[in-house]
Amino acid sequence: MAEFGYATDDEVPVIVAEAATQGCQVRVLLLSPDYEGIPDLDASEGSPPGTLGARIRAALARFSQMRQACSGDMQLRVYDTHPTVSVVRGDADMLVTPYLRYFIGSNSPTLGLAEESAPKMFGRYARHFDGMWNLATEWTP
């Protein structure tokens, strides 16, 4: 869900396509728009009903277009459990945004982690992402 900003950024499709062409592993994992807890998330953030689901569907549509442009070199999955953190990783650098209840995502702190300077913390979030990835399902519109 936090990746809505990435999905709507006009520079991201070029960056993703370039990375995929160079052999990078591009994986995008988003909350399922069908997750039954979405109404509770909307309510806890003070958003009108349906806000989060619409944002996720819009992000999935944009990421699906990027995936098609990458000729299958980008993976897109969804998970079906309450979100706890957003992880954006590029090699040995990572942005981590924990979700704080009763705050919209943009009001949560984002932490920058480098594998070299925070190897244990970096490893924990990398394993968390991999675990969620393995539980997720491929997104098919």
Protein backbone atom coordinates (compact mmCIF):
# COMPACT_ATOMS: atom_id res chain seq x y z
CA MET A 1 0.00 0.00 0.00
CA ALA A 2 2.75 2.45 0.75
CA GLU A 3 4.11 1.79 -2.70
CA PHE A 4 1.23 3.75 -4.25
CA GLY A 5 3.66 6.66 -4.54
CA TYR A 6 6.11 4.47 -6.44
CA ALA A 7 3.34 3.15 -8.67
CA THR A 8 2.26 6.64 -9.69
CA ASP A 9 5.76 8.11 -10.10
CA ASP A 10 6.42 8.49 -13.84
CA GLU A 11 10.13 7.75 -13.40
CA VAL A 12 9.64 4.35 -11.76
CA PRO A 13 8.64 2.36 -14.89
CA VAL A 14 11.90 3.43 -16.57
CA ILE A 15 13.94 2.55 -13.48
CA VAL A 16 12.25 -0.85 -13.13
CA ALA A 17 12.65 -1.69 -16.82
CA GLU A 18 16.31 -0.71 -16.73
CA ALA A 19 16.94 -2.80 -13.62
CA ALA A 20 15.16 -5.83 -15.07
CA THR A 21 17.12 -5.51 -18.33
CA GLN A 22 20.36 -5.54 -16.33
CA GLY A 23 19.36 -8.78 -14.58
CA CYS A 24 18.15 -7.34 -11.29
CA GLN A 25 15.51 -9.23 -9.38
CA VAL A 26 12.45 -6.94 -9.23
CA ARG A 27 9.80 -8.05 -6.73
CA VAL A 28 6.79 -6.00 -5.65
CA LEU A 29 4.65 -7.21 -2.77
CA LEU A 30 1.43 -5.39 -1.86
CA LEU A 31 -1.50 -5.95 0.44
CA SER A 32 -4.28 -7.78 -1.37
CA PRO A 33 -7.13 -5.43 -2.31
CA ASP A 34 -9.44 -8.24 -1.17
CA TYR A 35 -7.98 -8.42 2.35
CA GLU A 36 -10.92 -8.53 4.75
CA GLY A 37 -9.27 -6.10 7.19
CA ILE A 38 -9.16 -3.18 4.74
CA PRO A 39 -12.29 -1.49 6.16
CA ASP A 40 -10.63 -1.51 9.61
CA LEU A 41 -7.47 0.02 8.16
CA ASP A 42 -9.49 2.76 6.46
CA ALA A 43 -11.29 3.48 9.73
CA SER A 44 -8.12 3.52 11.84
CA GLU A 45 -6.50 5.98 9.43
CA GLY A 46 -9.58 8.20 9.35
CA SER A 47 -10.06 7.59 5.62
CA PRO A 48 -13.43 7.21 3.88
CA PRO A 49 -14.46 3.58 3.32
CA GLY A 50 -12.95 2.15 0.16
CA THR A 51 -9.94 4.49 0.07
CA LEU A 52 -7.23 1.92 0.69
CA GLY A 53 -8.72 -0.74 -1.57
CA ALA A 54 -8.92 1.76 -4.44
CA ARG A 55 -5.31 2.85 -3.88
CA ILE A 56 -4.10 -0.75 -3.87
CA ARG A 57 -6.02 -1.57 -7.07
CA ALA A 58 -4.58 1.53 -8.76
CA ALA A 59 -1.05 0.56 -7.67
CA LEU A 60 -1.55 -3.01 -8.86
CA ALA A 61 -2.75 -1.77 -12.25
CA ARG A 62 0.35 0.40 -12.67
CA PHE A 63 2.73 -2.30 -11.46
CA SER A 64 1.01 -4.79 -13.79
CA GLN A 65 1.79 -2.48 -16.71
CA MET A 66 5.41 -2.30 -15.56
CA ARG A 67 5.54 -6.09 -15.29
CA GLN A 68 4.30 -6.46 -18.87
CA ALA A 69 6.88 -3.96 -20.09
CA CYS A 70 9.60 -6.00 -18.35
CA SER A 71 8.71 -9.13 -20.34
CA GLY A 72 8.27 -11.22 -17.21
CA ASP A 73 11.43 -10.04 -15.44
CA MET A 74 9.37 -8.43 -12.67
CA GLN A 75 7.28 -10.33 -10.15
CA LEU A 76 4.13 -8.96 -8.52
CA ARG A 77 2.48 -10.65 -5.55
CA VAL A 78 -0.16 -9.84 -2.94
CA TYR A 79 -0.48 -10.95 0.66
CA ASP A 80 -3.58 -11.37 2.79
CA THR A 81 -2.71 -10.40 6.36
CA HIS A 82 -2.54 -7.22 8.40
CA PRO A 83 0.41 -5.10 7.18
CA THR A 84 3.14 -4.24 9.65
CA VAL A 85 5.93 -2.65 7.61
CA SER A 86 6.88 -1.39 4.18
CA VAL A 87 10.28 -2.54 2.89
CA VAL A 88 11.92 -1.00 -0.17
CA ARG A 89 15.27 -2.58 -0.94
CA GLY A 90 17.98 -1.93 -3.46
CA ASP A 91 20.93 -4.29 -3.00
CA ALA A 92 22.52 -3.45 0.37
CA ASP A 93 20.32 -0.42 1.15
CA MET A 94 16.80 -0.52 2.49
CA LEU A 95 14.00 1.87 3.43
CA VAL A 96 11.77 0.54 6.22
CA THR A 97 8.51 2.19 7.24
CA PRO A 98 6.72 0.58 10.19
CA TYR A 99 2.96 1.03 10.10
CA LEU A 100 1.69 2.87 13.12
CA ARG A 101 -1.95 2.33 13.94
CA TYR A 102 -4.16 5.45 13.71
CA PHE A 103 -1.69 7.21 11.42
CA ILE A 104 -1.82 7.30 7.64
CA GLY A 105 1.24 5.67 6.12
CA SER A 106 2.79 8.96 5.06
CA ASN A 107 2.88 10.05 8.72
CA SER A 108 4.94 7.04 9.79
CA PRO A 109 8.72 7.33 10.12
CA THR A 110 10.92 5.88 7.39
CA LEU A 111 14.24 4.42 8.44
CA GLY A 112 17.20 4.03 6.12
CA LEU A 113 19.22 0.87 6.73
CA ALA A 114 22.51 -0.19 5.18
CA GLU A 115 23.54 -3.82 5.36
CA GLU A 116 27.10 -2.79 6.15
CA SER A 117 26.29 -0.58 9.15
CA ALA A 118 23.25 -2.45 10.53
CA PRO A 119 23.66 -6.08 9.42
CA LYS A 120 21.39 -7.65 12.05
CA MET A 121 18.51 -5.21 11.57
CA PHE A 122 18.93 -5.30 7.80
CA GLY A 123 18.88 -9.10 7.87
CA ARG A 124 15.74 -9.22 9.99
CA TYR A 125 13.79 -7.03 7.59
CA ALA A 126 15.15 -8.91 4.57
CA ARG A 127 14.02 -12.20 6.13
CA HIS A 128 10.65 -10.67 6.99
CA PHE A 129 10.14 -9.64 3.37
CA ASP A 130 11.22 -13.06 2.09
CA GLY A 131 8.87 -14.79 4.52
CA MET A 132 5.93 -12.64 3.42
CA TRP A 133 6.91 -13.13 -0.22
CA ASN A 134 6.80 -16.90 0.21
CA LEU A 135 3.31 -16.72 1.74
CA ALA A 136 1.99 -14.36 -0.95
CA THR A 137 0.28 -15.24 -4.22
CA GLU A 138 1.05 -14.08 -7.73
CA TRP A 139 -1.14 -11.15 -8.75
CA THR A 140 -3.31 -11.90 -11.76
CA PRO A 141 -5.73 -9.15 -12.73
